Amino acid sequence: MGYVAVKGGTQAIEESLQRIQFERLKNGKFLDVDTIEAGMRGLIDQVMSESSFYSEQLAALAIKQAEGSPEEAVFLLRAYRSTLPRKHYSKLVKPEEMRVERRISASFKDIPGGQILGASTDYSHRMLDFGLLEETEDRVSSWLQAYLGVEHTQAAEAVEDRLPKVLDYLRKEGLITDCPLDNTEPDDVTRTSLTFPASRSEKLQILTRGQTGAVTSLAYAVIRGYGMIHPTVGELRVGQLPIYVESPLHPNEEDDEAYFIGEIKVSEVEMLVPATVKKQNGARELKLDFGYGLCFGQNETKAIAMSILDKSLEGGNKSVPTQNEEFVLYHIDSVESTGFISHLKMPHYVTFQSKLNDVRKTRQNQSVESEEG
């Protein structure tokens, strides 16, 4: 691609950067990072998931700098992530050890431990709350004092238990395939380029980093008829996962020697999918398969969509877009897609002039042929 120098370009760029600062501050107000972190939970969780970077404070900072643009915030956070050294690898994370805050199943009414609705907009009326226009610190403080009574405190403590997985009961009945423990070191798409056919770890990593809207749209296409019978949420969990690293004094020892370094909030989905299996005698048998999704934060729609695409990509039929791993994995990354679309704003003078000359020559040739005819 060719570019030409523009006289005074540096000064123009500096003025453009000053202008964007002015647009952010022209009303004489600004958002504190703490305010964004406290009040934009959904956006922060989305940015952390797409950035593969778990830091609520830095996600809030990126959102402030990007003026609320998720794509720009993800770009900023991934760029920062690339500058950091990787000092440790965590030990294997076990989702069954999650401290559950929310847990539902669309497949079973009664599940061990019960359905835990937790915090969700699923049960709310989608109507504007004009009372938020008059929200004050005093009102917030009063509401919190009223809410944080003995009953709510006890309920919160009861929720944060480690609960059995719903799909384990289906496995005990032999109704769903067991998943043996795979100790193979996962591939890392942030350190090595993606190659095809992609490994399962590469697929899951790209899906969890994928742009939320793109992942959701493709999963919706799957259900609309591009590759799957209607799936059902076996279990959806939102909660805190403990993270451990090996002890530097006792590496490769049992978990008792590991160091606990903190918890991360995640959304996990195990999606049940009916599938028809053809037996040797020609008979067809119905069985249950499942897809898996896990994202940073409370990011339920994306985790559900991820689990659908996870299962869809196992089909491997390249003629079906949602089963074509190259099509799906290359087109859901927000930084890649946004970056390429945005680069069209950059100077393309040389290439466009070449196209323009081709158009002029074609018209001249057609004019000459018309005169000769």
Protein backbone atom coordinates (compact mmCIF):
# COMPACT_ATOMS: atom_id res chain seq x y z
CA MET A 1 0.00 0.00 0.00
CA GLY A 2 1.37 3.42 -0.93
CA TYR A 3 1.09 6.61 1.05
CA VAL A 4 2.18 10.16 0.22
CA ALA A 5 3.45 12.73 2.68
CA VAL A 6 1.07 15.52 3.61
CA LYS A 7 2.67 18.87 4.39
CA GLY A 8 1.88 19.95 7.92
CA GLY A 9 0.58 16.49 8.78
CA THR A 10 2.18 16.37 12.24
CA GLN A 11 0.61 19.65 13.29
CA ALA A 12 -2.78 18.56 11.95
CA ILE A 13 -2.60 15.29 13.93
CA GLU A 14 -1.65 17.14 17.12
CA GLU A 15 -4.61 19.49 16.65
CA SER A 16 -6.88 16.50 16.06
CA LEU A 17 -5.77 14.97 19.36
CA GLN A 18 -6.37 18.29 21.12
CA ARG A 19 -9.83 18.41 19.57
CA ILE A 20 -10.81 14.98 20.87
CA GLN A 21 -9.68 16.07 24.34
CA PHE A 22 -11.84 19.16 23.99
CA GLU A 23 -14.88 17.12 22.92
CA ARG A 24 -14.49 15.00 26.06
CA LEU A 25 -14.19 17.97 28.41
CA LYS A 26 -16.16 20.75 26.69
CA ASN A 27 -19.10 20.49 29.12
CA GLY A 28 -16.77 21.11 32.04
CA LYS A 29 -17.47 17.68 33.55
CA PHE A 30 -15.65 14.39 33.57
CA LEU A 31 -16.19 10.84 34.78
CA ASP A 32 -14.05 9.46 37.59
CA VAL A 33 -12.59 6.02 36.93
CA ASP A 34 -14.09 4.92 40.26
CA THR A 35 -17.53 6.07 39.09
CA ILE A 36 -17.22 4.07 35.86
CA GLU A 37 -16.03 1.02 37.79
CA ALA A 38 -18.97 1.32 40.19
CA GLY A 39 -21.73 2.03 37.69
CA MET A 40 -20.82 0.39 34.37
CA ARG A 41 -20.46 -3.23 35.42
CA GLY A 42 -21.80 -4.70 32.18
CA LEU A 43 -19.51 -2.65 29.96
CA ILE A 44 -16.48 -3.38 32.13
CA ASP A 45 -17.17 -7.12 32.01
CA GLN A 46 -17.53 -6.99 28.21
CA VAL A 47 -14.26 -5.09 27.77
CA MET A 48 -12.36 -7.44 30.11
CA SER A 49 -13.67 -10.49 28.27
CA GLU A 50 -12.79 -9.20 24.80
CA SER A 51 -9.38 -8.00 26.03
CA SER A 52 -8.44 -11.26 27.80
CA PHE A 53 -7.37 -9.03 30.66
CA TYR A 54 -8.94 -9.18 34.11
CA SER A 55 -8.69 -5.78 35.79
CA GLU A 56 -11.86 -3.86 36.55
CA GLN A 57 -9.93 -0.66 37.29
CA LEU A 58 -7.91 -0.69 34.07
CA ALA A 59 -11.01 -1.63 32.06
CA ALA A 60 -12.75 1.42 33.59
CA LEU A 61 -9.74 3.58 32.66
CA ALA A 62 -9.83 2.29 29.07
CA ILE A 63 -13.57 3.01 28.88
CA LYS A 64 -12.97 6.57 30.12
CA GLN A 65 -10.19 7.15 27.60
CA ALA A 66 -12.31 5.64 24.81
CA GLU A 67 -15.33 7.75 25.82
CA GLY A 68 -17.46 4.65 26.19
CA SER A 69 -16.53 2.97 22.88
CA PRO A 70 -16.13 -0.77 23.66
CA GLU A 71 -14.03 -1.42 20.53
CA GLU A 72 -11.57 1.37 21.34
CA ALA A 73 -11.42 0.36 25.00
CA VAL A 74 -10.61 -3.25 24.05
CA PHE A 75 -7.92 -2.01 21.65
CA LEU A 76 -6.33 0.07 24.44
CA LEU A 77 -6.43 -2.73 26.98
CA ARG A 78 -5.02 -5.35 24.59
CA ALA A 79 -2.21 -2.98 23.68
CA TYR A 80 -1.38 -2.52 27.36
CA ARG A 81 -1.65 -6.26 27.97
CA SER A 82 0.96 -6.92 25.30
CA THR A 83 3.54 -4.88 27.27
CA LEU A 84 3.27 -6.94 30.46
CA PRO A 85 5.61 -9.81 31.38
CA ARG A 86 4.05 -13.19 32.06
CA LYS A 87 5.51 -14.22 35.41
CA HIS A 88 3.38 -17.23 36.28
CA TYR A 89 0.89 -19.71 34.91
CA SER A 90 -2.02 -20.53 37.19
CA LYS A 91 -2.84 -24.05 38.17
CA LEU A 92 -5.79 -25.75 36.52
CA VAL A 93 -8.97 -23.86 37.36
CA LYS A 94 -11.87 -26.03 38.51
CA PRO A 95 -15.28 -24.50 37.74
CA GLU A 96 -17.00 -26.79 40.26
CA GLU A 97 -15.15 -24.80 42.98
CA MET A 98 -16.93 -21.60 41.96
CA ARG A 99 -18.52 -19.53 44.73
CA VAL A 100 -21.88 -19.24 43.03
CA GLU A 101 -23.76 -15.93 42.95
CA ARG A 102 -26.25 -16.91 40.25
CA ARG A 103 -27.16 -20.34 38.95
CA ILE A 104 -30.05 -21.41 36.74
CA SER A 105 -31.01 -24.31 34.52
CA ALA A 106 -33.48 -24.07 31.66
CA SER A 107 -33.45 -27.87 31.34
CA PHE A 108 -34.58 -28.86 34.84
CA LYS A 109 -36.98 -27.19 37.24
CA ASP A 110 -35.56 -28.83 40.36
CA ILE A 111 -31.77 -29.02 40.62
CA PRO A 112 -29.62 -29.87 43.66
CA GLY A 113 -28.98 -26.63 45.49
CA GLY A 114 -31.92 -24.97 43.78
CA GLN A 115 -32.25 -22.29 41.15
CA ILE A 116 -30.46 -19.12 42.29
CA LEU A 117 -31.69 -16.11 40.34
CA GLY A 118 -29.02 -13.71 41.65
CA ALA A 119 -28.55 -10.35 39.95
CA SER A 120 -30.10 -10.28 36.48
CA THR A 121 -32.21 -8.05 34.26
CA ASP A 122 -34.00 -11.15 32.92
CA TYR A 123 -36.90 -10.69 35.31
CA SER A 124 -37.24 -6.90 35.06
CA HIS A 125 -39.60 -4.79 32.97
CA ARG A 126 -37.61 -3.20 30.15
CA MET A 127 -38.85 0.31 30.91
CA LEU A 128 -36.83 3.46 31.47
CA ASP A 129 -36.43 4.26 35.16
CA PHE A 130 -36.77 8.03 35.22
CA GLY A 131 -36.10 7.97 38.96
CA LEU A 132 -32.43 7.49 38.14
CA LEU A 133 -32.38 11.09 36.88
CA GLU A 134 -32.87 12.21 40.48
CA GLU A 135 -30.55 9.70 42.15
CA THR A 136 -28.37 11.25 44.87
CA GLU A 137 -25.70 9.98 47.24
CA ASP A 138 -28.09 10.31 50.19
CA ARG A 139 -30.74 8.22 48.47
CA VAL A 140 -28.20 5.59 47.48
CA SER A 141 -26.87 5.43 51.05
CA SER A 142 -30.38 5.07 52.49
CA TRP A 143 -31.31 2.33 50.01
CA LEU A 144 -28.13 0.37 50.79
CA GLN A 145 -28.74 0.57 54.53
CA ALA A 146 -32.27 -0.72 54.06
CA TYR A 147 -31.17 -3.51 51.70
CA LEU A 148 -28.18 -4.72 53.70
CA GLY A 149 -30.33 -6.01 56.52
CA VAL A 150 -29.97 -9.30 58.33
CA GLU A 151 -32.12 -11.25 55.84
CA HIS A 152 -30.19 -10.16 52.75
CA THR A 153 -26.84 -10.72 54.47
CA GLN A 154 -27.82 -14.28 55.41
CA ALA A 155 -29.13 -14.94 51.91
CA ALA A 156 -25.89 -13.72 50.36
CA GLU A 157 -23.87 -16.01 52.61
CA ALA A 158 -26.09 -18.98 51.72
CA VAL A 159 -25.64 -18.37 47.97
CA GLU A 160 -21.86 -18.40 48.07
CA ASP A 161 -21.64 -22.20 48.39
CA ARG A 162 -19.93 -24.62 46.06
CA LEU A 163 -22.74 -26.41 44.28
CA PRO A 164 -22.75 -29.66 42.27
CA LYS A 165 -22.79 -29.43 38.49
CA VAL A 166 -26.11 -30.24 36.83
CA LEU A 167 -24.53 -32.16 33.94
CA ASP A 168 -22.78 -34.52 36.36
CA TYR A 169 -26.15 -36.11 37.13
CA LEU A 170 -26.75 -36.76 33.44
CA ARG A 171 -23.31 -38.32 33.17
CA LYS A 172 -24.06 -40.66 36.05
CA GLU A 173 -27.09 -41.89 34.12
CA GLY A 174 -24.98 -42.34 30.98
CA LEU A 175 -27.10 -39.81 29.11
CA ILE A 176 -24.20 -37.53 28.24
CA THR A 177 -20.60 -38.19 27.30
CA ASP A 178 -18.06 -38.10 30.11
CA CYS A 179 -15.18 -35.63 29.74
CA PRO A 180 -11.82 -37.13 30.67
CA LEU A 181 -9.25 -34.76 32.15
CA ASP A 182 -6.93 -33.41 29.45
CA ASN A 183 -3.52 -32.44 30.80
CA THR A 184 -2.27 -31.22 27.43
CA GLU A 185 -0.91 -27.69 27.66
CA PRO A 186 -3.41 -25.40 25.90
CA ASP A 187 -2.39 -23.39 22.86
CA ASP A 188 -2.14 -19.62 23.27
CA VAL A 189 -3.33 -17.53 20.32
CA THR A 190 -1.78 -14.40 21.85
CA ARG A 191 1.70 -15.91 21.46
CA THR A 192 1.47 -18.10 18.38
CA SER A 193 -0.45 -17.50 15.18
CA LEU A 194 -3.68 -19.38 14.64
CA THR A 195 -3.40 -22.35 12.30
CA PHE A 196 -6.06 -24.65 10.87
CA PRO A 197 -7.41 -27.05 11.81
CA ALA A 198 -7.55 -25.20 15.14
CA SER A 199 -7.26 -27.03 18.44
CA ARG A 200 -10.15 -26.92 20.90
CA SER A 201 -8.18 -24.64 23.23
CA GLU A 202 -7.58 -22.19 20.36
CA LYS A 203 -11.26 -22.18 19.46
CA LEU A 204 -12.38 -21.57 23.02
CA GLN A 205 -9.82 -18.84 23.55
CA ILE A 206 -10.84 -16.97 20.41
CA LEU A 207 -14.52 -17.38 21.21
CA THR A 208 -14.12 -15.96 24.71
CA ARG A 209 -12.08 -13.04 23.29
CA GLY A 210 -14.55 -12.50 20.46
CA GLN A 211 -16.60 -9.35 20.01
CA THR A 212 -19.78 -9.88 22.00
CA GLY A 213 -22.14 -8.75 19.24
CA ALA A 214 -20.41 -10.84 16.58
CA VAL A 215 -20.40 -14.00 18.72
CA THR A 216 -24.06 -13.46 19.58
CA SER A 217 -25.06 -12.86 15.95
CA LEU A 218 -23.36 -16.01 14.68
CA ALA A 219 -24.84 -18.10 17.50
CA TYR A 220 -28.26 -16.72 16.60
CA ALA A 221 -27.62 -17.76 12.99
CA VAL A 222 -26.91 -21.29 14.22
CA ILE A 223 -30.28 -21.51 15.95
CA ARG A 224 -32.05 -19.91 13.00
CA GLY A 225 -31.19 -22.91 10.87
CA TYR A 226 -27.48 -22.85 10.02
CA GLY A 227 -26.36 -26.01 11.70
CA MET A 228 -28.08 -26.98 14.96
CA ILE A 229 -31.28 -28.21 16.56
CA HIS A 230 -32.60 -25.88 19.26
CA PRO A 231 -30.20 -26.05 22.24
CA THR A 232 -31.13 -25.80 25.93
CA VAL A 233 -29.14 -24.28 28.77
CA GLY A 234 -28.18 -27.19 31.01
CA GLU A 235 -26.64 -24.87 33.57
CA LEU A 236 -25.60 -21.25 33.70
CA ARG A 237 -23.41 -20.07 36.54
CA VAL A 238 -22.07 -16.69 37.58
CA GLY A 239 -19.62 -16.54 40.44
CA GLN A 240 -16.09 -16.25 41.75
CA LEU A 241 -13.38 -18.73 40.72
CA PRO A 242 -10.32 -19.15 42.95
CA ILE A 243 -6.95 -18.83 41.21
CA TYR A 244 -3.81 -20.58 42.45
CA VAL A 245 -0.18 -20.62 41.33
CA GLU A 246 2.43 -23.21 42.17
CA SER A 247 4.61 -22.61 45.17
CA PRO A 248 8.11 -21.56 44.02
CA LEU A 249 9.49 -23.61 46.92
CA HIS A 250 7.51 -26.76 46.11
CA PRO A 251 6.73 -26.83 42.37
CA ASN A 252 4.69 -29.68 40.94
CA GLU A 253 3.40 -30.56 44.39
CA GLU A 254 -0.18 -31.10 45.49
CA ASP A 255 -2.71 -28.27 45.55
CA ASP A 256 -2.18 -27.86 49.30
CA GLU A 257 1.19 -26.25 48.57
CA ALA A 258 -0.19 -23.84 45.95
CA TYR A 259 -0.53 -20.11 46.60
CA PHE A 260 -3.99 -18.57 46.44
CA ILE A 261 -3.66 -15.23 44.59
CA GLY A 262 -7.29 -14.13 44.31
CA GLU A 263 -10.60 -14.72 42.57
CA ILE A 264 -12.06 -13.77 39.21
CA LYS A 265 -15.74 -13.36 38.39
CA VAL A 266 -16.86 -15.47 35.43
CA SER A 267 -19.97 -16.63 33.60
CA GLU A 268 -20.02 -20.33 32.71
CA VAL A 269 -22.53 -22.11 30.49
CA GLU A 270 -22.98 -25.78 29.65
CA MET A 271 -25.40 -26.03 26.75
CA LEU A 272 -27.30 -29.25 26.01
CA VAL A 273 -27.80 -30.11 22.34
CA PRO A 274 -29.84 -33.08 21.05
CA ALA A 275 -28.06 -35.00 18.33
CA THR A 276 -28.98 -37.98 16.17
CA VAL A 277 -26.44 -40.80 15.90
CA LYS A 278 -26.57 -43.39 13.14
CA LYS A 279 -25.90 -46.92 14.44
CA GLN A 280 -24.20 -49.75 12.53
CA ASN A 281 -27.52 -51.46 11.81
CA GLY A 282 -28.85 -48.29 10.21
CA ALA A 283 -31.02 -47.36 13.16
CA ARG A 284 -30.90 -43.83 14.48
CA GLU A 285 -30.46 -43.03 18.15
CA LEU A 286 -31.00 -39.71 19.91
CA LYS A 287 -28.29 -38.57 22.33
CA LEU A 288 -27.28 -35.43 24.18
CA ASP A 289 -24.14 -33.47 23.37
CA PHE A 290 -23.04 -30.24 24.95
CA GLY A 291 -21.19 -27.03 24.17
CA TYR A 292 -19.16 -24.96 26.61
CA GLY A 293 -18.74 -21.26 27.23
CA LEU A 294 -16.87 -19.25 29.84
CA CYS A 295 -16.23 -15.49 29.91
CA PHE A 296 -14.84 -12.95 32.35
CA GLY A 297 -17.44 -11.13 34.44
CA GLN A 298 -21.22 -11.45 34.26
CA ASN A 299 -21.40 -11.84 30.51
CA GLU A 300 -24.20 -14.36 30.17
CA THR A 301 -25.41 -13.77 26.63
CA LYS A 302 -21.90 -14.09 25.28
CA ALA A 303 -21.19 -17.23 27.32
CA ILE A 304 -24.39 -18.82 25.96
CA ALA A 305 -23.50 -17.81 22.40
CA MET A 306 -19.98 -19.12 22.89
CA SER A 307 -21.28 -22.52 23.99
CA ILE A 308 -23.50 -22.71 20.88
CA LEU A 309 -20.61 -21.89 18.54
CA ASP A 310 -18.33 -24.29 20.39
CA LYS A 311 -20.70 -27.12 19.57
CA SER A 312 -21.44 -25.85 16.06
CA LEU A 313 -17.74 -25.76 15.12
CA GLU A 314 -17.48 -29.48 15.89
CA GLY A 315 -19.63 -30.08 12.80
CA GLY A 316 -16.74 -29.13 10.53
CA ASN A 317 -18.93 -28.64 7.43
CA LYS A 318 -17.18 -25.77 5.64
CA SER A 319 -20.18 -25.18 3.40
CA VAL A 320 -22.11 -24.07 6.52
CA PRO A 321 -20.69 -20.70 7.65
CA THR A 322 -21.25 -21.31 11.36
CA GLN A 323 -19.44 -24.67 11.16
CA ASN A 324 -16.51 -23.25 9.19
CA GLU A 325 -13.87 -22.55 11.83
CA GLU A 326 -11.86 -20.28 9.54
CA PHE A 327 -14.92 -18.13 8.81
CA VAL A 328 -16.04 -17.92 12.45
CA LEU A 329 -12.69 -17.51 14.20
CA TYR A 330 -11.30 -14.94 11.76
CA HIS A 331 -14.35 -12.70 11.84
CA ILE A 332 -15.35 -12.37 15.51
CA ASP A 333 -12.26 -10.61 16.84
CA SER A 334 -13.14 -6.99 17.65
CA VAL A 335 -9.63 -5.56 17.28
CA GLU A 336 -9.00 -7.31 13.96
CA SER A 337 -12.36 -6.43 12.41
CA THR A 338 -12.62 -2.90 13.80
CA GLY A 339 -8.99 -2.21 12.91
CA PHE A 340 -9.40 -3.31 9.32
CA ILE A 341 -12.64 -1.40 8.82
CA SER A 342 -11.15 1.71 10.45
CA HIS A 343 -8.00 1.57 8.36
CA LEU A 344 -10.13 2.42 5.32
CA LYS A 345 -10.15 6.00 6.66
CA MET A 346 -6.37 6.20 6.22
CA PRO A 347 -4.79 7.63 3.04
CA HIS A 348 -5.17 5.36 0.01
CA TYR A 349 -4.22 8.01 -2.54
CA VAL A 350 -1.87 5.90 -4.66
CA THR A 351 -4.11 2.83 -4.88
CA PHE A 352 -7.22 4.90 -5.57
CA GLN A 353 -5.47 6.92 -8.29
CA SER A 354 -4.49 3.65 -9.94
CA LYS A 355 -8.13 2.50 -9.88
CA LEU A 356 -9.26 5.89 -11.14
CA ASN A 357 -6.83 5.68 -14.08
CA ASP A 358 -8.19 2.20 -14.91
CA VAL A 359 -11.75 3.56 -14.92
CA ARG A 360 -10.74 6.46 -17.23
CA LYS A 361 -8.88 4.16 -19.62
CA THR A 362 -11.85 1.79 -19.77
CA ARG A 363 -14.19 4.67 -20.62
CA GLN A 364 -11.79 5.99 -23.27
CA ASN A 365 -11.54 2.56 -24.87
CA GLN A 366 -15.29 2.16 -24.89
CA SER A 367 -15.65 5.62 -26.46
CA VAL A 368 -13.13 4.77 -29.22
CA GLU A 369 -14.85 1.45 -29.95
CA SER A 370 -18.20 3.23 -30.13
CA GLU A 371 -16.86 5.77 -32.66
CA GLU A 372 -15.30 3.02 -34.77
CA GLY A 373 -18.54 1.07 -34.74
